[in-house]
Amino acid sequence: MSSTSGPHKAGFVNIIGCPNVGKSTLMNALVGERLSIITSKAQTTRHRIMGIVSGENYQIVFSDTPGIIKPLYKLQEKMMQFVITALADADLFLLITDVFEDIQLEESYLQKLQKTKTPILLLINKVDVATQEQLEEKLVSWREKLPQAEIMAVSALQKFNIDKVMNRIIESLPPGEAFYDKEEFTDKSERFFVSEIVREKILLNYKKEIPYSVEVVVNSFKEQEDIIRIQVDILVERDSQKGIIIGDKGAALKKTGTMARKEMETFFKKKIFLELFVKVDRDWRSNDNRLKNFGY
């Protein structure tokens, strides 16, 4: 990664966009660690996730925000609060869209971006599977919507133009000292990543509304010399959901646990002993106190 010479630069780069345009894949390509969970279901990112990239004379603090949606229940309202704060504290916006996106960025967010003095780097993702015509069409429409934005075509999956994007980001940062230790790559705890990994496997293994009515709570995380022992509660809203999560003779839960354990062993580079428990916590998604406890 080329870094610019001159004074040390540091700043907050906030990634925004609609669900499923590849925001998390892009963040992982930029940060180089598997920070944001990636699945094909919309709304997998519920919290702002910080990913930190440091070079000799720069530090970029990325935050990935939940995809912008019209909230249907309390949890989603809280998630949209993360997006609103992201609009307030950035040194640079990375607005991610893709060649096939028909979803209009909600009018209120578009207006905020049109008015902002913060520079916007607009990335049109998934160009590896698009025609030149499709790309041209998008370029024209985005130039009309956000004339002040700088537009680049990328493929997060193929890492196409990712180096160029990084260099543009570094050039755009204000001069300043690093905000975090140069060794750190995120502001989230190990427990946070455990819960994200379990939640990702639930998203992959269960259909329909199940993943959205699940919260994952890490009860214990005990690191020993050669193994980490982890206990996790999977909270659901109804008894019927508990049955679905566990599956016939426990098969579904076992599959989820095995997938999560393997991923954690890669992430923590250590042997993992993982225990999963499924519990019913009625209507947690609509309960203010419960949402607060879960960090929303």
Protein backbone atom coordinates (compact mmCIF):
# COMPACT_ATOMS: atom_id res chain seq x y z
CA MET A 1 0.00 0.00 0.00
CA SER A 2 1.62 3.23 -0.99
CA SER A 3 1.44 5.89 1.67
CA THR A 4 1.80 9.55 1.01
CA SER A 5 4.89 11.29 2.32
CA GLY A 6 4.51 14.39 4.46
CA PRO A 7 2.71 14.99 7.76
CA HIS A 8 0.92 12.18 9.62
CA LYS A 9 -2.74 11.93 8.59
CA ALA A 10 -5.66 10.41 10.47
CA GLY A 11 -9.41 10.41 10.07
CA PHE A 12 -12.77 8.67 10.22
CA VAL A 13 -14.07 7.11 7.03
CA ASN A 14 -17.71 6.09 7.27
CA ILE A 15 -19.13 3.48 4.91
CA ILE A 16 -22.80 3.98 4.05
CA GLY A 17 -25.27 2.55 1.54
CA CYS A 18 -28.34 0.39 1.07
CA PRO A 19 -28.43 -3.30 2.18
CA ASN A 20 -26.72 -5.93 0.03
CA VAL A 21 -24.56 -3.67 -2.14
CA GLY A 22 -21.36 -5.18 -0.74
CA LYS A 23 -20.47 -2.73 2.05
CA SER A 24 -19.12 -5.40 4.40
CA THR A 25 -17.19 -7.21 1.65
CA LEU A 26 -15.64 -3.89 0.71
CA MET A 27 -14.71 -3.05 4.28
CA ASN A 28 -13.03 -6.43 4.67
CA ALA A 29 -11.10 -5.89 1.42
CA LEU A 30 -9.91 -2.50 2.72
CA VAL A 31 -9.15 -3.55 6.30
CA GLY A 32 -7.74 -6.95 5.40
CA GLU A 33 -9.26 -8.61 8.47
CA ARG A 34 -12.61 -10.36 8.39
CA LEU A 35 -14.33 -7.70 10.47
CA SER A 36 -17.86 -7.33 9.20
CA ILE A 37 -19.98 -10.42 8.81
CA ILE A 38 -20.88 -11.16 5.23
CA THR A 39 -23.97 -13.06 4.18
CA SER A 40 -26.44 -12.67 1.36
CA LYS A 41 -29.28 -11.69 3.70
CA ALA A 42 -30.04 -8.00 4.09
CA GLN A 43 -29.42 -6.29 7.43
CA THR A 44 -26.58 -8.46 8.70
CA THR A 45 -24.64 -5.50 10.08
CA ARG A 46 -26.52 -4.22 13.13
CA HIS A 47 -23.84 -2.13 14.85
CA ARG A 48 -21.25 0.31 13.62
CA ILE A 49 -18.07 -1.70 13.33
CA MET A 50 -14.73 0.02 13.47
CA GLY A 51 -11.89 -1.31 11.36
CA ILE A 52 -8.53 0.40 11.75
CA VAL A 53 -5.84 0.54 9.06
CA SER A 54 -2.51 2.10 10.04
CA GLY A 55 0.56 2.87 8.00
CA GLU A 56 3.77 4.64 8.88
CA ASN A 57 2.25 8.08 8.41
CA TYR A 58 -1.50 7.53 8.34
CA GLN A 59 -4.36 5.93 10.25
CA ILE A 60 -7.80 5.31 8.76
CA VAL A 61 -10.67 4.46 11.10
CA PHE A 62 -13.38 2.80 9.02
CA SER A 63 -16.86 2.30 10.30
CA ASP A 64 -19.36 0.08 8.60
CA THR A 65 -22.98 1.06 9.22
CA PRO A 66 -26.21 -0.93 8.94
CA GLY A 67 -27.79 -0.77 5.47
CA ILE A 68 -30.20 2.15 5.23
CA ILE A 69 -33.82 1.04 5.56
CA LYS A 70 -37.18 2.37 6.73
CA PRO A 71 -37.44 1.02 10.30
CA LEU A 72 -40.32 -1.38 11.02
CA TYR A 73 -39.68 -2.05 14.72
CA LYS A 74 -37.63 -0.70 17.64
CA LEU A 75 -34.46 -2.67 16.89
CA GLN A 76 -34.35 -1.22 13.37
CA GLU A 77 -34.93 2.31 14.73
CA LYS A 78 -31.92 1.85 17.00
CA MET A 79 -29.88 0.54 14.06
CA MET A 80 -30.71 3.65 12.04
CA GLN A 81 -29.40 5.77 14.95
CA PHE A 82 -25.95 4.31 14.16
CA VAL A 83 -26.34 5.58 10.58
CA ILE A 84 -27.34 9.07 11.74
CA THR A 85 -24.26 9.35 13.98
CA ALA A 86 -22.14 8.10 11.07
CA LEU A 87 -23.44 11.01 9.01
CA ALA A 88 -22.33 13.42 11.72
CA ASP A 89 -18.73 12.47 12.50
CA ALA A 90 -16.96 11.56 9.26
CA ASP A 91 -13.87 13.08 7.61
CA LEU A 92 -14.80 11.22 4.43
CA PHE A 93 -17.85 9.26 3.30
CA LEU A 94 -17.52 6.09 1.28
CA LEU A 95 -20.93 5.73 -0.31
CA ILE A 96 -21.30 2.22 -1.70
CA THR A 97 -23.76 1.39 -4.41
CA ASP A 98 -23.64 -1.27 -7.11
CA VAL A 99 -24.32 -1.52 -10.79
CA PHE A 100 -27.63 -3.34 -10.26
CA GLU A 101 -29.03 -1.34 -7.36
CA ASP A 102 -32.53 -0.05 -8.05
CA ILE A 103 -33.16 0.78 -4.41
CA GLN A 104 -33.21 4.53 -4.06
CA LEU A 105 -31.18 5.83 -1.16
CA GLU A 106 -33.90 7.13 1.14
CA GLU A 107 -34.63 10.77 0.29
CA SER A 108 -33.71 12.15 3.73
CA TYR A 109 -30.23 10.54 3.59
CA LEU A 110 -29.69 11.68 0.02
CA GLN A 111 -30.54 15.25 1.03
CA LYS A 112 -28.09 15.06 3.97
CA LEU A 113 -25.36 13.91 1.59
CA GLN A 114 -26.20 16.60 -0.95
CA LYS A 115 -25.81 19.26 1.76
CA THR A 116 -22.73 17.87 3.52
CA LYS A 117 -19.39 19.66 3.32
CA THR A 118 -17.63 16.32 3.99
CA PRO A 119 -15.98 14.85 0.86
CA ILE A 120 -17.77 11.84 -0.66
CA LEU A 121 -16.06 9.01 -2.50
CA LEU A 122 -18.81 7.11 -4.30
CA LEU A 123 -17.89 3.52 -5.17
CA ILE A 124 -19.91 1.63 -7.75
CA ASN A 125 -19.39 -2.01 -6.77
CA LYS A 126 -19.75 -5.32 -8.68
CA VAL A 127 -18.36 -3.95 -11.96
CA ASP A 128 -16.79 -7.38 -12.57
CA VAL A 129 -20.25 -8.71 -13.51
CA ALA A 130 -21.58 -5.65 -15.36
CA THR A 131 -21.54 -4.39 -18.93
CA GLN A 132 -20.01 -1.05 -19.93
CA GLU A 133 -23.53 0.26 -20.71
CA GLN A 134 -24.82 -0.62 -17.22
CA LEU A 135 -21.86 1.17 -15.66
CA GLU A 136 -22.26 4.28 -17.86
CA GLU A 137 -25.94 4.46 -16.94
CA LYS A 138 -25.12 4.43 -13.22
CA LEU A 139 -22.39 7.04 -13.62
CA VAL A 140 -24.81 9.44 -15.31
CA SER A 141 -27.54 9.03 -12.69
CA TRP A 142 -25.17 9.40 -9.70
CA ARG A 143 -23.50 12.48 -11.20
CA GLU A 144 -26.94 14.08 -11.27
CA LYS A 145 -27.81 13.05 -7.70
CA LEU A 146 -24.45 13.86 -6.08
CA PRO A 147 -22.48 16.17 -8.39
CA GLN A 148 -19.84 16.87 -5.68
CA ALA A 149 -18.94 13.17 -5.19
CA GLU A 150 -15.84 11.61 -6.69
CA ILE A 151 -16.90 8.35 -8.39
CA MET A 152 -14.83 5.17 -8.78
CA ALA A 153 -15.79 1.76 -10.19
CA VAL A 154 -14.72 -1.19 -8.02
CA SER A 155 -15.18 -4.88 -7.41
CA ALA A 156 -14.83 -5.65 -3.70
CA LEU A 157 -14.96 -9.37 -4.44
CA GLN A 158 -12.19 -9.29 -7.07
CA LYS A 159 -10.29 -6.53 -5.20
CA PHE A 160 -10.41 -4.48 -8.42
CA ASN A 161 -9.34 -0.84 -7.80
CA ILE A 162 -9.13 -1.42 -4.02
CA ASP A 163 -5.53 -0.11 -3.90
CA LYS A 164 -6.57 3.01 -5.81
CA VAL A 165 -9.44 3.57 -3.37
CA MET A 166 -7.04 3.22 -0.41
CA ASN A 167 -4.66 5.75 -1.91
CA ARG A 168 -7.50 8.21 -2.56
CA ILE A 169 -8.69 7.79 1.04
CA ILE A 170 -5.20 8.46 2.44
CA GLU A 171 -4.86 11.55 0.22
CA SER A 172 -8.21 12.86 1.51
CA LEU A 173 -7.44 12.49 5.25
CA PRO A 174 -6.76 15.57 7.35
CA PRO A 175 -3.35 15.90 9.04
CA GLY A 176 -3.41 14.61 12.63
CA GLU A 177 -2.12 12.13 15.18
CA ALA A 178 -3.32 8.50 15.31
CA PHE A 179 -6.52 7.92 17.33
CA TYR A 180 -5.69 4.32 18.25
CA ASP A 181 -2.62 2.23 18.90
CA LYS A 182 -1.05 1.30 15.54
CA GLU A 183 -1.27 -2.41 16.41
CA GLU A 184 -5.06 -2.38 16.81
CA PHE A 185 -7.34 -3.28 13.93
CA THR A 186 -10.72 -2.75 15.60
CA ASP A 187 -12.34 -1.12 18.62
CA LYS A 188 -14.56 -4.14 19.25
CA SER A 189 -13.95 -6.80 21.91
CA GLU A 190 -13.23 -10.48 21.33
CA ARG A 191 -16.70 -11.31 22.69
CA PHE A 192 -18.22 -9.05 20.04
CA PHE A 193 -16.58 -11.10 17.27
CA VAL A 194 -17.69 -14.36 18.88
CA SER A 195 -21.31 -13.17 18.83
CA GLU A 196 -20.98 -11.88 15.23
CA ILE A 197 -19.57 -15.21 14.03
CA VAL A 198 -22.39 -17.19 15.69
CA ARG A 199 -24.96 -14.76 14.26
CA GLU A 200 -23.50 -15.11 10.78
CA LYS A 201 -23.82 -18.91 10.92
CA ILE A 202 -27.44 -18.55 12.06
CA LEU A 203 -28.08 -16.27 9.07
CA LEU A 204 -26.59 -18.88 6.76
CA ASN A 205 -28.36 -21.90 8.24
CA TYR A 206 -31.92 -20.74 8.92
CA LYS A 207 -34.58 -19.37 6.63
CA LYS A 208 -37.14 -16.57 6.82
CA GLU A 209 -37.51 -14.46 9.93
CA ILE A 210 -35.55 -16.70 12.32
CA PRO A 211 -32.19 -14.85 12.06
CA TYR A 212 -33.88 -11.50 12.67
CA SER A 213 -35.51 -12.59 15.92
CA VAL A 214 -32.23 -13.92 17.32
CA GLU A 215 -29.78 -12.21 19.65
CA VAL A 216 -26.46 -13.79 20.57
CA VAL A 217 -25.05 -13.27 24.07
CA VAL A 218 -21.55 -14.43 25.04
CA ASN A 219 -21.75 -15.61 28.67
CA SER A 220 -18.15 -16.58 29.14
CA PHE A 221 -14.89 -16.28 27.23
CA LYS A 222 -12.05 -18.02 29.07
CA GLU A 223 -8.69 -18.00 27.36
CA GLN A 224 -6.19 -20.64 28.44
CA GLU A 225 -2.75 -21.33 27.05
CA ASP A 226 -3.81 -23.76 24.32
CA ILE A 227 -7.61 -23.31 24.12
CA ILE A 228 -10.40 -20.73 24.47
CA ARG A 229 -13.57 -21.95 26.22
CA ILE A 230 -16.66 -20.06 25.12
CA GLN A 231 -20.28 -20.27 26.28
CA VAL A 232 -22.97 -18.60 24.19
CA ASP A 233 -26.72 -18.09 24.64
CA ILE A 234 -28.85 -17.84 21.50
CA LEU A 235 -31.96 -15.88 22.48
CA VAL A 236 -35.17 -16.25 20.47
CA GLU A 237 -38.60 -14.68 20.97
CA ARG A 238 -40.82 -17.78 20.88
CA ASP A 239 -40.76 -21.50 21.79
CA SER A 240 -41.42 -22.45 18.14
CA GLN A 241 -38.23 -20.59 17.13
CA LYS A 242 -36.27 -22.43 19.81
CA GLY A 243 -37.37 -25.73 18.23
CA ILE A 244 -36.28 -24.58 14.77
CA ILE A 245 -32.85 -23.42 15.99
CA ILE A 246 -32.19 -26.73 17.77
CA GLY A 247 -33.58 -28.84 14.91
CA ASP A 248 -34.35 -32.56 14.79
CA LYS A 249 -32.29 -34.34 17.50
CA GLY A 250 -30.20 -31.17 17.83
CA ALA A 251 -28.80 -31.49 14.29
CA ALA A 252 -29.32 -27.86 13.21
CA LEU A 253 -27.71 -26.42 16.34
CA LYS A 254 -24.79 -28.85 16.03
CA LYS A 255 -24.16 -27.77 12.43
CA THR A 256 -24.25 -24.07 13.42
CA GLY A 257 -21.90 -24.74 16.35
CA THR A 258 -19.39 -26.63 14.22
CA MET A 259 -19.31 -23.91 11.55
CA ALA A 260 -18.93 -21.18 14.19
CA ARG A 261 -16.18 -23.05 16.03
CA LYS A 262 -14.12 -23.57 12.85
CA GLU A 263 -14.43 -19.90 11.94
CA MET A 264 -13.42 -18.83 15.48
CA GLU A 265 -10.36 -21.09 15.35
CA THR A 266 -9.29 -19.29 12.16
CA PHE A 267 -10.09 -15.87 13.64
CA PHE A 268 -8.39 -16.37 17.04
CA LYS A 269 -5.71 -18.77 15.71
CA LYS A 270 -6.34 -21.08 18.66
CA LYS A 271 -8.33 -24.20 19.54
CA ILE A 272 -11.91 -23.39 20.57
CA PHE A 273 -14.31 -25.24 22.86
CA LEU A 274 -17.76 -23.80 22.11
CA GLU A 275 -21.05 -24.45 23.95
CA LEU A 276 -24.32 -23.09 22.54
CA PHE A 277 -27.55 -22.80 24.55
CA VAL A 278 -30.92 -21.72 23.11
CA LYS A 279 -33.22 -19.67 25.37
CA VAL A 280 -36.56 -17.90 24.92
CA ASP A 281 -36.56 -14.16 25.73
CA ARG A 282 -40.02 -12.98 24.70
CA ASP A 283 -40.27 -9.90 22.45
CA TRP A 284 -36.72 -8.68 23.15
CA ARG A 285 -36.76 -6.74 19.85
CA SER A 286 -39.45 -4.39 21.15
CA ASN A 287 -38.16 -3.99 24.71
CA ASP A 288 -36.12 -0.81 25.29
CA ASN A 289 -34.22 -2.15 28.30
CA ARG A 290 -33.32 -5.41 26.58
CA LEU A 291 -32.14 -3.53 23.46
CA LYS A 292 -30.00 -1.27 25.67
CA ASN A 293 -28.43 -4.35 27.32
CA PHE A 294 -27.56 -5.72 23.89
CA GLY A 295 -25.81 -2.48 22.93
CA TYR A 296 -28.44 -0.94 20.65
